[in-house]
Amino acid sequence: MNTGKLRAELQQLHKEVTSALAGSGEQVLESSRATAEELSRQLRAALGDLGHNLSEQERRAERIVSDRPLMALGSALAIGVAIGLALRRA
């Protein structure tokens, strides 16, 4: 076989493979970027929902404490005593 012809074919194959890999890499990068953007949107939506739920729960807790301040104070005292006893035994 002619080495010149073989060398030319190998160089052509090298160019084709390099071109295919470069295009493939760009496609993978673009696909990864799109996936990351979608995940980012989903995460923002989930964090927004979490913030809304936490705000609701905070308002609810404030309403309970303001409606029954002595019960809230007694509960806090009982929890503090229980934690103190648990820490003393540990």
PDB file of N, CA and C in Angstrom:
ATOM      1  N   MET A   1       0.843  -1.176   0.000  1.00  0.00           N
ATOM      2  CA  MET A   1       0.000   0.000   0.000  1.00  0.00           C
ATOM      3  C   MET A   1       0.887   1.237   0.000  1.00  0.00           C
ATOM      4  N   ASN A   2       0.438   2.253  -0.626  1.00  0.00           N
ATOM      5  CA  ASN A   2       1.174   3.493  -0.747  1.00  0.00           C
ATOM      6  C   ASN A   2       1.080   4.257   0.577  1.00  0.00           C
ATOM      7  N   THR A   3       2.259   4.591   1.186  1.00  0.00           N
ATOM      8  CA  THR A   3       2.275   5.282   2.473  1.00  0.00           C
ATOM      9  C   THR A   3       1.761   6.705   2.358  1.00  0.00           C
ATOM     10  N   GLY A   4       1.977   7.338   1.252  1.00  0.00           N
ATOM     11  CA  GLY A   4       1.478   8.699   1.044  1.00  0.00           C
ATOM     12  C   GLY A   4      -0.046   8.737   1.042  1.00  0.00           C
ATOM     13  N   LYS A   5      -0.632   7.752   0.360  1.00  0.00           N
ATOM     14  CA  LYS A   5      -2.080   7.677   0.310  1.00  0.00           C
ATOM     15  C   LYS A   5      -2.643   7.350   1.694  1.00  0.00           C
ATOM     16  N   LEU A   6      -1.996   6.444   2.401  1.00  0.00           N
ATOM     17  CA  LEU A   6      -2.421   6.065   3.760  1.00  0.00           C
ATOM     18  C   LEU A   6      -2.319   7.263   4.696  1.00  0.00           C
ATOM     19  N   ARG A   7      -1.222   8.004   4.589  1.00  0.00           N
ATOM     20  CA  ARG A   7      -1.028   9.197   5.421  1.00  0.00           C
ATOM     21  C   ARG A   7      -2.120  10.234   5.141  1.00  0.00           C
ATOM     22  N   ALA A   8      -2.473  10.439   3.878  1.00  0.00           N
ATOM     23  CA  ALA A   8      -3.517  11.398   3.509  1.00  0.00           C
ATOM     24  C   ALA A   8      -4.873  10.961   4.068  1.00  0.00           C
ATOM     25  N   GLU A   9      -5.156   9.674   3.997  1.00  0.00           N
ATOM     26  CA  GLU A   9      -6.416   9.165   4.529  1.00  0.00           C
ATOM     27  C   GLU A   9      -6.472   9.322   6.055  1.00  0.00           C
ATOM     28  N   LEU A  10      -5.337   9.060   6.720  1.00  0.00           N
ATOM     29  CA  LEU A  10      -5.279   9.228   8.178  1.00  0.00           C
ATOM     30  C   LEU A  10      -5.464  10.689   8.571  1.00  0.00           C
ATOM     31  N   GLN A  11      -4.862  11.586   7.820  1.00  0.00           N
ATOM     32  CA  GLN A  11      -5.033  13.007   8.112  1.00  0.00           C
ATOM     33  C   GLN A  11      -6.484  13.442   7.905  1.00  0.00           C
ATOM     34  N   GLN A  12      -7.096  12.936   6.840  1.00  0.00           N
ATOM     35  CA  GLN A  12      -8.503  13.260   6.591  1.00  0.00           C
ATOM     36  C   GLN A  12      -9.380  12.704   7.711  1.00  0.00           C
ATOM     37  N   LEU A  13      -9.110  11.477   8.135  1.00  0.00           N
ATOM     38  CA  LEU A  13      -9.852  10.868   9.235  1.00  0.00           C
ATOM     39  C   LEU A  13      -9.662  11.670  10.519  1.00  0.00           C
ATOM     40  N   HIS A  14      -8.438  12.127  10.771  1.00  0.00           N
ATOM     41  CA  HIS A  14      -8.149  12.938  11.948  1.00  0.00           C
ATOM     42  C   HIS A  14      -8.962  14.226  11.922  1.00  0.00           C
ATOM     43  N   LYS A  15      -9.046  14.882  10.774  1.00  0.00           N
ATOM     44  CA  LYS A  15      -9.823  16.111  10.637  1.00  0.00           C
ATOM     45  C   LYS A  15     -11.307  15.852  10.896  1.00  0.00           C
ATOM     46  N   GLU A  16     -11.815  14.754  10.333  1.00  0.00           N
ATOM     47  CA  GLU A  16     -13.235  14.434  10.505  1.00  0.00           C
ATOM     48  C   GLU A  16     -13.563  14.131  11.968  1.00  0.00           C
ATOM     49  N   VAL A  17     -12.707  13.357  12.633  1.00  0.00           N
ATOM     50  CA  VAL A  17     -12.931  13.008  14.038  1.00  0.00           C
ATOM     51  C   VAL A  17     -12.840  14.257  14.906  1.00  0.00           C
ATOM     52  N   THR A  18     -11.849  15.091  14.654  1.00  0.00           N
ATOM     53  CA  THR A  18     -11.697  16.332  15.415  1.00  0.00           C
ATOM     54  C   THR A  18     -12.917  17.223  15.236  1.00  0.00           C
ATOM     55  N   SER A  19     -13.400  17.326  14.007  1.00  0.00           N
ATOM     56  CA  SER A  19     -14.579  18.140  13.728  1.00  0.00           C
ATOM     57  C   SER A  19     -15.814  17.564  14.430  1.00  0.00           C
ATOM     58  N   ALA A  20     -15.953  16.240  14.366  1.00  0.00           N
ATOM     59  CA  ALA A  20     -17.109  15.599  15.018  1.00  0.00           C
ATOM     60  C   ALA A  20     -17.057  15.780  16.522  1.00  0.00           C
ATOM     61  N   LEU A  21     -15.886  15.636  17.107  1.00  0.00           N
ATOM     62  CA  LEU A  21     -15.757  15.796  18.560  1.00  0.00           C
ATOM     63  C   LEU A  21     -16.003  17.234  18.987  1.00  0.00           C
ATOM     64  N   ALA A  22     -15.552  18.181  18.197  1.00  0.00           N
ATOM     65  CA  ALA A  22     -15.769  19.589  18.532  1.00  0.00           C
ATOM     66  C   ALA A  22     -17.254  19.900  18.496  1.00  0.00           C
ATOM     67  N   GLY A  23     -17.942  19.436  17.484  1.00  0.00           N
ATOM     68  CA  GLY A  23     -19.386  19.654  17.397  1.00  0.00           C
ATOM     69  C   GLY A  23     -20.117  18.941  18.515  1.00  0.00           C
ATOM     70  N   SER A  24     -19.691  17.741  18.820  1.00  0.00           N
ATOM     71  CA  SER A  24     -20.306  16.962  19.893  1.00  0.00           C
ATOM     72  C   SER A  24     -20.103  17.648  21.235  1.00  0.00           C
ATOM     73  N   GLY A  25     -18.923  18.185  21.470  1.00  0.00           N
ATOM     74  CA  GLY A  25     -18.634  18.890  22.717  1.00  0.00           C
ATOM     75  C   GLY A  25     -19.510  20.115  22.876  1.00  0.00           C
ATOM     76  N   GLU A  26     -19.719  20.840  21.792  1.00  0.00           N
ATOM     77  CA  GLU A  26     -20.579  22.012  21.835  1.00  0.00           C
ATOM     78  C   GLU A  26     -22.021  21.618  22.116  1.00  0.00           C
ATOM     79  N   GLN A  27     -22.457  20.514  21.524  1.00  0.00           N
ATOM     80  CA  GLN A  27     -23.818  20.040  21.760  1.00  0.00           C
ATOM     81  C   GLN A  27     -23.994  19.619  23.222  1.00  0.00           C
ATOM     82  N   VAL A  28     -23.012  18.931  23.762  1.00  0.00           N
ATOM     83  CA  VAL A  28     -23.071  18.507  25.159  1.00  0.00           C
ATOM     84  C   VAL A  28     -23.084  19.733  26.065  1.00  0.00           C
ATOM     85  N   LEU A  29     -22.255  20.715  25.753  1.00  0.00           N
ATOM     86  CA  LEU A  29     -22.201  21.941  26.548  1.00  0.00           C
ATOM     87  C   LEU A  29     -23.540  22.677  26.511  1.00  0.00           C
ATOM     88  N   GLU A  30     -24.119  22.787  25.332  1.00  0.00           N
ATOM     89  CA  GLU A  30     -25.407  23.472  25.189  1.00  0.00           C
ATOM     90  C   GLU A  30     -26.506  22.706  25.926  1.00  0.00           C
ATOM     91  N   SER A  31     -26.494  21.401  25.813  1.00  0.00           N
ATOM     92  CA  SER A  31     -27.485  20.578  26.509  1.00  0.00           C
ATOM     93  C   SER A  31     -27.324  20.709  28.022  1.00  0.00           C
ATOM     94  N   SER A  32     -26.088  20.700  28.486  1.00  0.00           N
ATOM     95  CA  SER A  32     -25.826  20.855  29.919  1.00  0.00           C
ATOM     96  C   SER A  32     -26.272  22.229  30.402  1.00  0.00           C
ATOM     97  N   ARG A  33     -26.015  23.234  29.611  1.00  0.00           N
ATOM     98  CA  ARG A  33     -26.419  24.593  29.966  1.00  0.00           C
ATOM     99  C   ARG A  33     -27.941  24.686  30.061  1.00  0.00           C
ATOM    100  N   ALA A  34     -28.650  24.098  29.118  1.00  0.00           N
ATOM    101  CA  ALA A  34     -30.117  24.130  29.132  1.00  0.00           C
ATOM    102  C   ALA A  34     -30.649  23.390  30.357  1.00  0.00           C
ATOM    103  N   THR A  35     -30.050  22.249  30.673  1.00  0.00           N
ATOM    104  CA  THR A  35     -30.473  21.483  31.847  1.00  0.00           C
ATOM    105  C   THR A  35     -30.215  22.272  33.119  1.00  0.00           C
ATOM    106  N   ALA A  36     -29.068  22.914  33.215  1.00  0.00           N
ATOM    107  CA  ALA A  36     -28.746  23.718  34.400  1.00  0.00           C
ATOM    108  C   ALA A  36     -29.713  24.884  34.545  1.00  0.00           C
ATOM    109  N   GLU A  37     -30.077  25.521  33.439  1.00  0.00           N
ATOM    110  CA  GLU A  37     -31.031  26.637  33.495  1.00  0.00           C
ATOM    111  C   GLU A  37     -32.400  26.157  33.957  1.00  0.00           C
ATOM    112  N   GLU A  38     -32.832  24.990  33.471  1.00  0.00           N
ATOM    113  CA  GLU A  38     -34.125  24.440  33.885  1.00  0.00           C
ATOM    114  C   GLU A  38     -34.115  24.092  35.370  1.00  0.00           C
ATOM    115  N   LEU A  39     -33.031  23.477  35.823  1.00  0.00           N
ATOM    116  CA  LEU A  39     -32.914  23.156  37.247  1.00  0.00           C
ATOM    117  C   LEU A  39     -32.892  24.422  38.093  1.00  0.00           C
ATOM    118  N   SER A  40     -32.252  25.454  37.595  1.00  0.00           N
ATOM    119  CA  SER A  40     -32.209  26.726  38.306  1.00  0.00           C
ATOM    120  C   SER A  40     -33.608  27.321  38.420  1.00  0.00           C
ATOM    121  N   ARG A  41     -34.387  27.256  37.349  1.00  0.00           N
ATOM    122  CA  ARG A  41     -35.772  27.759  37.396  1.00  0.00           C
ATOM    123  C   ARG A  41     -36.600  26.963  38.401  1.00  0.00           C
ATOM    124  N   GLN A  42     -36.442  25.642  38.390  1.00  0.00           N
ATOM    125  CA  GLN A  42     -37.192  24.804  39.322  1.00  0.00           C
ATOM    126  C   GLN A  42     -36.794  25.097  40.761  1.00  0.00           C
ATOM    127  N   LEU A  43     -35.504  25.291  40.989  1.00  0.00           N
ATOM    128  CA  LEU A  43     -35.024  25.594  42.332  1.00  0.00           C
ATOM    129  C   LEU A  43     -35.554  26.944  42.808  1.00  0.00           C
ATOM    130  N   ARG A  44     -35.545  27.949  41.942  1.00  0.00           N
ATOM    131  CA  ARG A  44     -36.093  29.255  42.314  1.00  0.00           C
ATOM    132  C   ARG A  44     -37.576  29.147  42.663  1.00  0.00           C
ATOM    133  N   ALA A  45     -38.311  28.371  41.890  1.00  0.00           N
ATOM    134  CA  ALA A  45     -39.744  28.195  42.162  1.00  0.00           C
ATOM    135  C   ALA A  45     -39.947  27.492  43.498  1.00  0.00           C
ATOM    136  N   ALA A  46     -39.155  26.449  43.753  1.00  0.00           N
ATOM    137  CA  ALA A  46     -39.280  25.717  45.015  1.00  0.00           C
ATOM    138  C   ALA A  46     -38.909  26.611  46.198  1.00  0.00           C
ATOM    139  N   LEU A  47     -37.864  27.411  46.055  1.00  0.00           N
ATOM    140  CA  LEU A  47     -37.469  28.313  47.138  1.00  0.00           C
ATOM    141  C   LEU A  47     -38.524  29.397  47.359  1.00  0.00           C
ATOM    142  N   GLY A  48     -39.135  29.856  46.284  1.00  0.00           N
ATOM    143  CA  GLY A  48     -40.223  30.827  46.418  1.00  0.00           C
ATOM    144  C   GLY A  48     -41.397  30.242  47.190  1.00  0.00           C
ATOM    145  N   ASP A  49     -41.761  28.997  46.851  1.00  0.00           N
ATOM    146  CA  ASP A  49     -42.842  28.320  47.571  1.00  0.00           C
ATOM    147  C   ASP A  49     -42.479  28.118  49.034  1.00  0.00           C
ATOM    148  N   LEU A  50     -41.237  27.727  49.288  1.00  0.00           N
ATOM    149  CA  LEU A  50     -40.781  27.518  50.667  1.00  0.00           C
ATOM    150  C   LEU A  50     -40.842  28.819  51.452  1.00  0.00           C
ATOM    151  N   GLY A  51     -40.400  29.909  50.848  1.00  0.00           N
ATOM    152  CA  GLY A  51     -40.456  31.208  51.509  1.00  0.00           C
ATOM    153  C   GLY A  51     -41.884  31.612  51.829  1.00  0.00           C
ATOM    154  N   HIS A  52     -42.788  31.359  50.886  1.00  0.00           N
ATOM    155  CA  HIS A  52     -44.195  31.682  51.109  1.00  0.00           C
ATOM    156  C   HIS A  52     -44.754  30.846  52.264  1.00  0.00           C
ATOM    157  N   ASN A  53     -44.458  29.550  52.273  1.00  0.00           N
ATOM    158  CA  ASN A  53     -44.942  28.672  53.346  1.00  0.00           C
ATOM    159  C   ASN A  53     -44.367  29.072  54.695  1.00  0.00           C
ATOM    160  N   LEU A  54     -43.089  29.418  54.722  1.00  0.00           N
ATOM    161  CA  LEU A  54     -42.482  29.832  55.986  1.00  0.00           C
ATOM    162  C   LEU A  54     -43.097  31.130  56.496  1.00  0.00           C
ATOM    163  N   SER A  55     -43.392  32.044  55.592  1.00  0.00           N
ATOM    164  CA  SER A  55     -44.041  33.300  55.993  1.00  0.00           C
ATOM    165  C   SER A  55     -45.411  33.030  56.592  1.00  0.00           C
ATOM    166  N   GLU A  56     -46.144  32.115  55.958  1.00  0.00           N
ATOM    167  CA  GLU A  56     -47.458  31.741  56.478  1.00  0.00           C
ATOM    168  C   GLU A  56     -47.344  31.143  57.875  1.00  0.00           C
ATOM    169  N   GLN A  57     -46.386  30.245  58.057  1.00  0.00           N
ATOM    170  CA  GLN A  57     -46.204  29.597  59.356  1.00  0.00           C
ATOM    171  C   GLN A  57     -45.759  30.603  60.417  1.00  0.00           C
ATOM    172  N   GLU A  58     -44.944  31.566  60.024  1.00  0.00           N
ATOM    173  CA  GLU A  58     -44.503  32.594  60.959  1.00  0.00           C
ATOM    174  C   GLU A  58     -45.697  33.431  61.429  1.00  0.00           C
ATOM    175  N   ARG A  59     -46.552  33.827  60.488  1.00  0.00           N
ATOM    176  CA  ARG A  59     -47.749  34.594  60.857  1.00  0.00           C
ATOM    177  C   ARG A  59     -48.656  33.779  61.773  1.00  0.00           C
ATOM    178  N   ARG A  60     -48.781  32.504  61.477  1.00  0.00           N
ATOM    179  CA  ARG A  60     -49.614  31.624  62.305  1.00  0.00           C
ATOM    180  C   ARG A  60     -49.054  31.517  63.721  1.00  0.00           C
ATOM    181  N   ALA A  61     -47.729  31.328  63.838  1.00  0.00           N
ATOM    182  CA  ALA A  61     -47.099  31.234  65.159  1.00  0.00           C
ATOM    183  C   ALA A  61     -47.257  32.546  65.926  1.00  0.00           C
ATOM    184  N   GLU A  62     -47.091  33.671  65.240  1.00  0.00           N
ATOM    185  CA  GLU A  62     -47.265  34.971  65.897  1.00  0.00           C
ATOM    186  C   GLU A  62     -48.699  35.152  66.398  1.00  0.00           C
ATOM    187  N   ARG A  63     -49.648  34.699  65.605  1.00  0.00           N
ATOM    188  CA  ARG A  63     -51.049  34.817  65.994  1.00  0.00           C
ATOM    189  C   ARG A  63     -51.342  33.944  67.223  1.00  0.00           C
ATOM    190  N   ILE A  64     -50.796  32.732  67.256  1.00  0.00           N
ATOM    191  CA  ILE A  64     -51.012  31.839  68.398  1.00  0.00           C
ATOM    192  C   ILE A  64     -50.413  32.444  69.659  1.00  0.00           C
ATOM    193  N   VAL A  65     -49.177  32.971  69.540  1.00  0.00           N
ATOM    194  CA  VAL A  65     -48.510  33.553  70.711  1.00  0.00           C
ATOM    195  C   VAL A  65     -49.253  34.804  71.179  1.00  0.00           C
ATOM    196  N   SER A  66     -49.703  35.626  70.243  1.00  0.00           N
ATOM    197  CA  SER A  66     -50.403  36.846  70.666  1.00  0.00           C
ATOM    198  C   SER A  66     -51.788  36.539  71.238  1.00  0.00           C
ATOM    199  N   ASP A  67     -52.419  35.455  70.771  1.00  0.00           N
ATOM    200  CA  ASP A  67     -53.725  35.072  71.315  1.00  0.00           C
ATOM    201  C   ASP A  67     -53.603  34.456  72.710  1.00  0.00           C
ATOM    202  N   ARG A  68     -52.499  33.747  72.955  1.00  0.00           N
ATOM    203  CA  ARG A  68     -52.318  33.051  74.238  1.00  0.00           C
ATOM    204  C   ARG A  68     -50.887  33.272  74.759  1.00  0.00           C
ATOM    205  N   PRO A  69     -50.580  34.468  75.225  1.00  0.00           N
ATOM    206  CA  PRO A  69     -49.204  34.771  75.646  1.00  0.00           C
ATOM    207  C   PRO A  69     -48.761  33.967  76.876  1.00  0.00           C
ATOM    208  N   LEU A  70     -49.645  33.730  77.824  1.00  0.00           N
ATOM    209  CA  LEU A  70     -49.244  32.975  79.023  1.00  0.00           C
ATOM    210  C   LEU A  70     -48.949  31.515  78.687  1.00  0.00           C
ATOM    211  N   MET A  71     -49.737  30.937  77.805  1.00  0.00           N
ATOM    212  CA  MET A  71     -49.479  29.565  77.392  1.00  0.00           C
ATOM    213  C   MET A  71     -48.139  29.479  76.653  1.00  0.00           C
ATOM    214  N   ALA A  72     -47.847  30.442  75.807  1.00  0.00           N
ATOM    215  CA  ALA A  72     -46.583  30.457  75.075  1.00  0.00           C
ATOM    216  C   ALA A  72     -45.415  30.600  76.029  1.00  0.00           C
ATOM    217  N   LEU A  73     -45.556  31.484  77.022  1.00  0.00           N
ATOM    218  CA  LEU A  73     -44.496  31.669  78.009  1.00  0.00           C
ATOM    219  C   LEU A  73     -44.287  30.399  78.818  1.00  0.00           C
ATOM    220  N   GLY A  74     -45.385  29.767  79.233  1.00  0.00           N
ATOM    221  CA  GLY A  74     -45.281  28.509  79.990  1.00  0.00           C
ATOM    222  C   GLY A  74     -44.637  27.410  79.164  1.00  0.00           C
ATOM    223  N   SER A  75     -44.985  27.337  77.894  1.00  0.00           N
ATOM    224  CA  SER A  75     -44.384  26.319  77.016  1.00  0.00           C
ATOM    225  C   SER A  75     -42.885  26.553  76.865  1.00  0.00           C
ATOM    226  N   ALA A  76     -42.497  27.811  76.685  1.00  0.00           N
ATOM    227  CA  ALA A  76     -41.068  28.131  76.545  1.00  0.00           C
ATOM    228  C   ALA A  76     -40.321  27.780  77.826  1.00  0.00           C
ATOM    229  N   LEU A  77     -40.920  28.062  78.968  1.00  0.00           N
ATOM    230  CA  LEU A  77     -40.304  27.738  80.251  1.00  0.00           C
ATOM    231  C   LEU A  77     -40.148  26.234  80.405  1.00  0.00           C
ATOM    232  N   ALA A  78     -41.191  25.481  80.076  1.00  0.00           N
ATOM    233  CA  ALA A  78     -41.135  24.026  80.187  1.00  0.00           C
ATOM    234  C   ALA A  78     -40.065  23.437  79.266  1.00  0.00           C
ATOM    235  N   ILE A  79     -39.984  23.954  78.064  1.00  0.00           N
ATOM    236  CA  ILE A  79     -38.964  23.464  77.119  1.00  0.00           C
ATOM    237  C   ILE A  79     -37.569  23.790  77.637  1.00  0.00           C
ATOM    238  N   GLY A  80     -37.385  24.984  78.181  1.00  0.00           N
ATOM    239  CA  GLY A  80     -36.082  25.372  78.736  1.00  0.00           C
ATOM    240  C   GLY A  80     -35.678  24.487  79.895  1.00  0.00           C
ATOM    241  N   VAL A  81     -36.626  24.176  80.779  1.00  0.00           N
ATOM    242  CA  VAL A  81     -36.334  23.298  81.914  1.00  0.00           C
ATOM    243  C   VAL A  81     -35.976  21.899  81.420  1.00  0.00           C
ATOM    244  N   ALA A  82     -36.721  21.391  80.450  1.00  0.00           N
ATOM    245  CA  ALA A  82     -36.442  20.061  79.922  1.00  0.00           C
ATOM    246  C   ALA A  82     -35.052  19.993  79.280  1.00  0.00           C
ATOM    247  N   ILE A  83     -34.700  21.020  78.531  1.00  0.00           N
ATOM    248  CA  ILE A  83     -33.365  21.051  77.903  1.00  0.00           C
ATOM    249  C   ILE A  83     -32.295  21.143  78.974  1.00  0.00           C
ATOM    250  N   GLY A  84     -32.528  21.973  80.000  1.00  0.00           N
ATOM    251  CA  GLY A  84     -31.555  22.094  81.102  1.00  0.00           C
ATOM    252  C   GLY A  84     -31.333  20.776  81.801  1.00  0.00           C
ATOM    253  N   LEU A  85     -32.409  20.053  82.088  1.00  0.00           N
ATOM    254  CA  LEU A  85     -32.286  18.751  82.749  1.00  0.00           C
ATOM    255  C   LEU A  85     -31.559  17.754  81.846  1.00  0.00           C
ATOM    256  N   ALA A  86     -31.867  17.783  80.581  1.00  0.00           N
ATOM    257  CA  ALA A  86     -31.207  16.855  79.641  1.00  0.00           C
ATOM    258  C   ALA A  86     -29.710  17.149  79.553  1.00  0.00           C
ATOM    259  N   LEU A  87     -29.350  18.425  79.543  1.00  0.00           N
ATOM    260  CA  LEU A  87     -27.925  18.781  79.449  1.00  0.00           C
ATOM    261  C   LEU A  87     -27.182  18.462  80.737  1.00  0.00           C
ATOM    262  N   ARG A  88     -27.859  18.566  81.879  1.00  0.00           N
ATOM    263  CA  ARG A  88     -27.213  18.265  83.150  1.00  0.00           C
ATOM    264  C   ARG A  88     -26.870  16.787  83.254  1.00  0.00           C
ATOM    265  N   ARG A  89     -27.735  15.940  82.722  1.00  0.00           N
ATOM    266  CA  ARG A  89     -27.520  14.479  82.786  1.00  0.00           C
ATOM    267  C   ARG A  89     -26.489  14.019  81.778  1.00  0.00           C
ATOM    268  N   ALA A  90     -26.288  14.772  80.757  1.00  0.00           N
ATOM    269  CA  ALA A  90     -25.368  14.349  79.681  1.00  0.00           C
ATOM    270  C   ALA A  90     -23.933  14.532  80.051  1.00  0.00           C
TER     271      ALA A  90
END
